[in-house]
Amino acid sequence: MSSSSPQRSRSGGNNSSSSGAKEERPRFFDSKAKSMCWAKAETVPSRHLERWRKDTAGNIVCKRFCNCQGCLCFEYDHIIPYSKGGESVLENCQILQTRVNRFKADKDQVGTTQLQGFSCDIKFTEKARQS
């Protein structure tokens, strides 16, 4: 089955290899998935294209601040939580401000409005152009 949406693995089925051993799912996103996840996130107008992005809730985050606790920090999040069968693949990856990701935790039906309620809510002004 081929789909562009994130997949849940099914427990209780015959998902094991022919040798009878249970397949291990990777818990974390690999570097390629992280790189592509960052690249697909919305850019921030008038900011450096490689350094700044908006997360799913519209929060501005900085690439230098991955896996920290500040308001510009972010984490790579499983859209469908890993604990609920979500895979560590690009299609199931999004960036979220760290404190928003901690609120989301293992929930898989969290709306943008709920996510925004846990945001730091930092607003950037337009950068002045230098002559």
C-alpha atoms as a PDB file:
ATOM      1  CA  MET A   1       0.000   0.000   0.000  1.00  0.00           C
ATOM      2  CA  SER A   2       1.442   3.351  -1.037  1.00  0.00           C
ATOM      3  CA  SER A   3       0.233   6.581   0.521  1.00  0.00           C
ATOM      4  CA  SER A   4       1.559  10.067   1.066  1.00  0.00           C
ATOM      5  CA  SER A   5       0.017  10.311   4.550  1.00  0.00           C
ATOM      6  CA  PRO A   6       1.743   9.158   7.735  1.00  0.00           C
ATOM      7  CA  GLN A   7       1.222   5.484   8.459  1.00  0.00           C
ATOM      8  CA  ARG A   8       0.340   3.754  11.691  1.00  0.00           C
ATOM      9  CA  SER A   9       1.865   0.366  12.186  1.00  0.00           C
ATOM     10  CA  ARG A  10      -0.645  -2.302  13.069  1.00  0.00           C
ATOM     11  CA  SER A  11      -0.025  -4.359  16.148  1.00  0.00           C
ATOM     12  CA  GLY A  12      -1.209  -7.909  16.403  1.00  0.00           C
ATOM     13  CA  GLY A  13      -0.825  -8.533  12.668  1.00  0.00           C
ATOM     14  CA  ASN A  14       1.851 -10.540  10.938  1.00  0.00           C
ATOM     15  CA  ASN A  15       4.390  -7.708  10.691  1.00  0.00           C
ATOM     16  CA  SER A  16       7.391  -9.869  11.417  1.00  0.00           C
ATOM     17  CA  SER A  17      10.007 -10.952   8.936  1.00  0.00           C
ATOM     18  CA  SER A  18      10.105 -14.471   7.546  1.00  0.00           C
ATOM     19  CA  SER A  19      12.615 -15.442  10.244  1.00  0.00           C
ATOM     20  CA  GLY A  20       9.975 -14.764  12.905  1.00  0.00           C
ATOM     21  CA  ALA A  21      11.876 -11.872  14.495  1.00  0.00           C
ATOM     22  CA  LYS A  22       9.921  -8.694  15.210  1.00  0.00           C
ATOM     23  CA  GLU A  23      11.077  -5.734  13.102  1.00  0.00           C
ATOM     24  CA  GLU A  24      12.513  -2.790  15.002  1.00  0.00           C
ATOM     25  CA  ARG A  25      11.111   0.622  14.125  1.00  0.00           C
ATOM     26  CA  PRO A  26      13.517   3.531  14.436  1.00  0.00           C
ATOM     27  CA  ARG A  27      12.470   5.808  17.327  1.00  0.00           C
ATOM     28  CA  PHE A  28      14.098   8.970  15.956  1.00  0.00           C
ATOM     29  CA  PHE A  29      14.139  10.709  12.590  1.00  0.00           C
ATOM     30  CA  ASP A  30      17.344  10.226  10.619  1.00  0.00           C
ATOM     31  CA  SER A  31      19.373  13.240   9.438  1.00  0.00           C
ATOM     32  CA  LYS A  32      17.893  13.115   5.925  1.00  0.00           C
ATOM     33  CA  ALA A  33      14.309  13.190   7.258  1.00  0.00           C
ATOM     34  CA  LYS A  34      15.203  16.060   9.612  1.00  0.00           C
ATOM     35  CA  SER A  35      16.807  18.043   6.808  1.00  0.00           C
ATOM     36  CA  MET A  36      13.813  17.558   4.524  1.00  0.00           C
ATOM     37  CA  CYS A  37      11.365  18.279   7.355  1.00  0.00           C
ATOM     38  CA  TRP A  38      13.117  21.605   8.015  1.00  0.00           C
ATOM     39  CA  ALA A  39      13.128  22.400   4.292  1.00  0.00           C
ATOM     40  CA  LYS A  40       9.372  21.786   3.912  1.00  0.00           C
ATOM     41  CA  ALA A  41       8.441  24.079   6.839  1.00  0.00           C
ATOM     42  CA  GLU A  42       7.215  27.585   6.045  1.00  0.00           C
ATOM     43  CA  THR A  43       9.955  30.220   5.746  1.00  0.00           C
ATOM     44  CA  VAL A  44       9.863  33.538   7.612  1.00  0.00           C
ATOM     45  CA  PRO A  45       9.583  36.573   5.318  1.00  0.00           C
ATOM     46  CA  SER A  46      12.513  39.004   5.504  1.00  0.00           C
ATOM     47  CA  ARG A  47      14.630  36.540   7.535  1.00  0.00           C
ATOM     48  CA  HIS A  48      17.542  34.320   6.493  1.00  0.00           C
ATOM     49  CA  LEU A  49      15.984  31.453   4.511  1.00  0.00           C
ATOM     50  CA  GLU A  50      18.195  28.717   5.973  1.00  0.00           C
ATOM     51  CA  ARG A  51      18.003  29.795   9.629  1.00  0.00           C
ATOM     52  CA  TRP A  52      14.367  30.650  10.321  1.00  0.00           C
ATOM     53  CA  ARG A  53      11.112  28.721   9.935  1.00  0.00           C
ATOM     54  CA  LYS A  54       7.547  28.720  11.204  1.00  0.00           C
ATOM     55  CA  ASP A  55       6.361  25.593  12.961  1.00  0.00           C
ATOM     56  CA  THR A  56       2.954  24.003  12.415  1.00  0.00           C
ATOM     57  CA  ALA A  57       1.352  26.431  14.916  1.00  0.00           C
ATOM     58  CA  GLY A  58       2.944  29.458  13.210  1.00  0.00           C
ATOM     59  CA  ASN A  59       5.694  29.968  15.804  1.00  0.00           C
ATOM     60  CA  ILE A  60       9.026  31.304  14.620  1.00  0.00           C
ATOM     61  CA  VAL A  61      11.926  28.979  15.419  1.00  0.00           C
ATOM     62  CA  CYS A  62      15.650  29.078  14.685  1.00  0.00           C
ATOM     63  CA  LYS A  63      17.618  26.180  13.202  1.00  0.00           C
ATOM     64  CA  ARG A  64      20.471  26.759  15.679  1.00  0.00           C
ATOM     65  CA  PHE A  65      18.155  26.029  18.611  1.00  0.00           C
ATOM     66  CA  CYS A  66      17.120  22.419  18.181  1.00  0.00           C
ATOM     67  CA  ASN A  67      16.274  20.419  21.327  1.00  0.00           C
ATOM     68  CA  CYS A  68      16.535  23.261  23.835  1.00  0.00           C
ATOM     69  CA  GLN A  69      13.935  24.982  26.036  1.00  0.00           C
ATOM     70  CA  GLY A  70      13.794  28.624  24.877  1.00  0.00           C
ATOM     71  CA  CYS A  71      11.043  30.313  22.873  1.00  0.00           C
ATOM     72  CA  LEU A  72      12.971  30.068  19.587  1.00  0.00           C
ATOM     73  CA  CYS A  73      13.799  26.388  20.183  1.00  0.00           C
ATOM     74  CA  PHE A  74      12.151  23.524  18.327  1.00  0.00           C
ATOM     75  CA  GLU A  75      11.982  19.760  18.140  1.00  0.00           C
ATOM     76  CA  TYR A  76      11.200  17.327  15.355  1.00  0.00           C
ATOM     77  CA  ASP A  77       7.762  15.914  16.174  1.00  0.00           C
ATOM     78  CA  HIS A  78       5.925  12.784  15.072  1.00  0.00           C
ATOM     79  CA  ILE A  79       2.561  13.964  13.678  1.00  0.00           C
ATOM     80  CA  ILE A  80       1.136  10.573  14.615  1.00  0.00           C
ATOM     81  CA  PRO A  81       2.958   9.881  17.891  1.00  0.00           C
ATOM     82  CA  TYR A  82       5.547   7.121  17.885  1.00  0.00           C
ATOM     83  CA  SER A  83       3.783   5.593  20.906  1.00  0.00           C
ATOM     84  CA  LYS A  84       0.634   5.244  18.803  1.00  0.00           C
ATOM     85  CA  GLY A  85       2.345   3.601  15.841  1.00  0.00           C
ATOM     86  CA  GLY A  86       3.644   6.688  14.015  1.00  0.00           C
ATOM     87  CA  GLU A  87       6.734   6.038  11.945  1.00  0.00           C
ATOM     88  CA  SER A  88       9.955   8.070  11.975  1.00  0.00           C
ATOM     89  CA  VAL A  89       9.650   9.104   8.324  1.00  0.00           C
ATOM     90  CA  LEU A  90       9.463  12.468   6.556  1.00  0.00           C
ATOM     91  CA  GLU A  91       5.716  12.196   5.948  1.00  0.00           C
ATOM     92  CA  ASN A  92       5.174  11.949   9.725  1.00  0.00           C
ATOM     93  CA  CYS A  93       7.622  14.722  10.660  1.00  0.00           C
ATOM     94  CA  GLN A  94       6.929  18.345  11.572  1.00  0.00           C
ATOM     95  CA  ILE A  95       8.834  20.980  13.492  1.00  0.00           C
ATOM     96  CA  LEU A  96       7.242  22.319  16.670  1.00  0.00           C
ATOM     97  CA  GLN A  97       8.375  24.915  19.185  1.00  0.00           C
ATOM     98  CA  THR A  98       9.717  22.868  22.121  1.00  0.00           C
ATOM     99  CA  ARG A  99       7.110  23.924  24.676  1.00  0.00           C
ATOM    100  CA  VAL A 100       4.304  23.258  22.153  1.00  0.00           C
ATOM    101  CA  ASN A 101       5.731  19.805  21.433  1.00  0.00           C
ATOM    102  CA  ARG A 102       5.828  19.048  25.172  1.00  0.00           C
ATOM    103  CA  PHE A 103       2.131  19.997  25.409  1.00  0.00           C
ATOM    104  CA  LYS A 104       1.264  17.880  22.379  1.00  0.00           C
ATOM    105  CA  ALA A 105       3.171  14.898  23.819  1.00  0.00           C
ATOM    106  CA  ASP A 106       1.488  11.712  22.540  1.00  0.00           C
ATOM    107  CA  LYS A 107      -1.735  13.351  21.373  1.00  0.00           C
ATOM    108  CA  ASP A 108      -2.521  12.887  17.681  1.00  0.00           C
ATOM    109  CA  GLN A 109      -5.645  15.020  17.225  1.00  0.00           C
ATOM    110  CA  VAL A 110      -4.444  18.448  18.373  1.00  0.00           C
ATOM    111  CA  GLY A 111      -5.642  21.454  16.387  1.00  0.00           C
ATOM    112  CA  THR A 112      -3.578  24.485  15.448  1.00  0.00           C
ATOM    113  CA  THR A 113      -5.564  26.699  17.843  1.00  0.00           C
ATOM    114  CA  GLN A 114      -4.744  24.403  20.771  1.00  0.00           C
ATOM    115  CA  LEU A 115      -1.071  24.346  19.778  1.00  0.00           C
ATOM    116  CA  GLN A 116      -0.998  28.153  19.559  1.00  0.00           C
ATOM    117  CA  GLY A 117      -2.345  28.346  23.115  1.00  0.00           C
ATOM    118  CA  PHE A 118       0.946  26.886  24.382  1.00  0.00           C
ATOM    119  CA  SER A 119       3.206  29.038  22.214  1.00  0.00           C
ATOM    120  CA  CYS A 120       5.657  31.691  23.386  1.00  0.00           C
ATOM    121  CA  ASP A 121       4.020  34.071  20.887  1.00  0.00           C
ATOM    122  CA  ILE A 122       7.083  35.998  19.751  1.00  0.00           C
ATOM    123  CA  LYS A 123       6.455  38.489  16.977  1.00  0.00           C
ATOM    124  CA  PHE A 124       9.176  39.661  14.592  1.00  0.00           C
ATOM    125  CA  THR A 125       9.131  43.043  12.934  1.00  0.00           C
ATOM    126  CA  GLU A 126      10.273  43.624   9.383  1.00  0.00           C
ATOM    127  CA  LYS A 127      14.013  44.118   9.126  1.00  0.00           C
ATOM    128  CA  ALA A 128      14.997  47.574   8.030  1.00  0.00           C
ATOM    129  CA  ARG A 129      16.804  47.630   4.717  1.00  0.00           C
ATOM    130  CA  GLN A 130      20.262  49.108   4.859  1.00  0.00           C
ATOM    131  CA  SER A 131      21.284  51.560   2.138  1.00  0.00           C
END
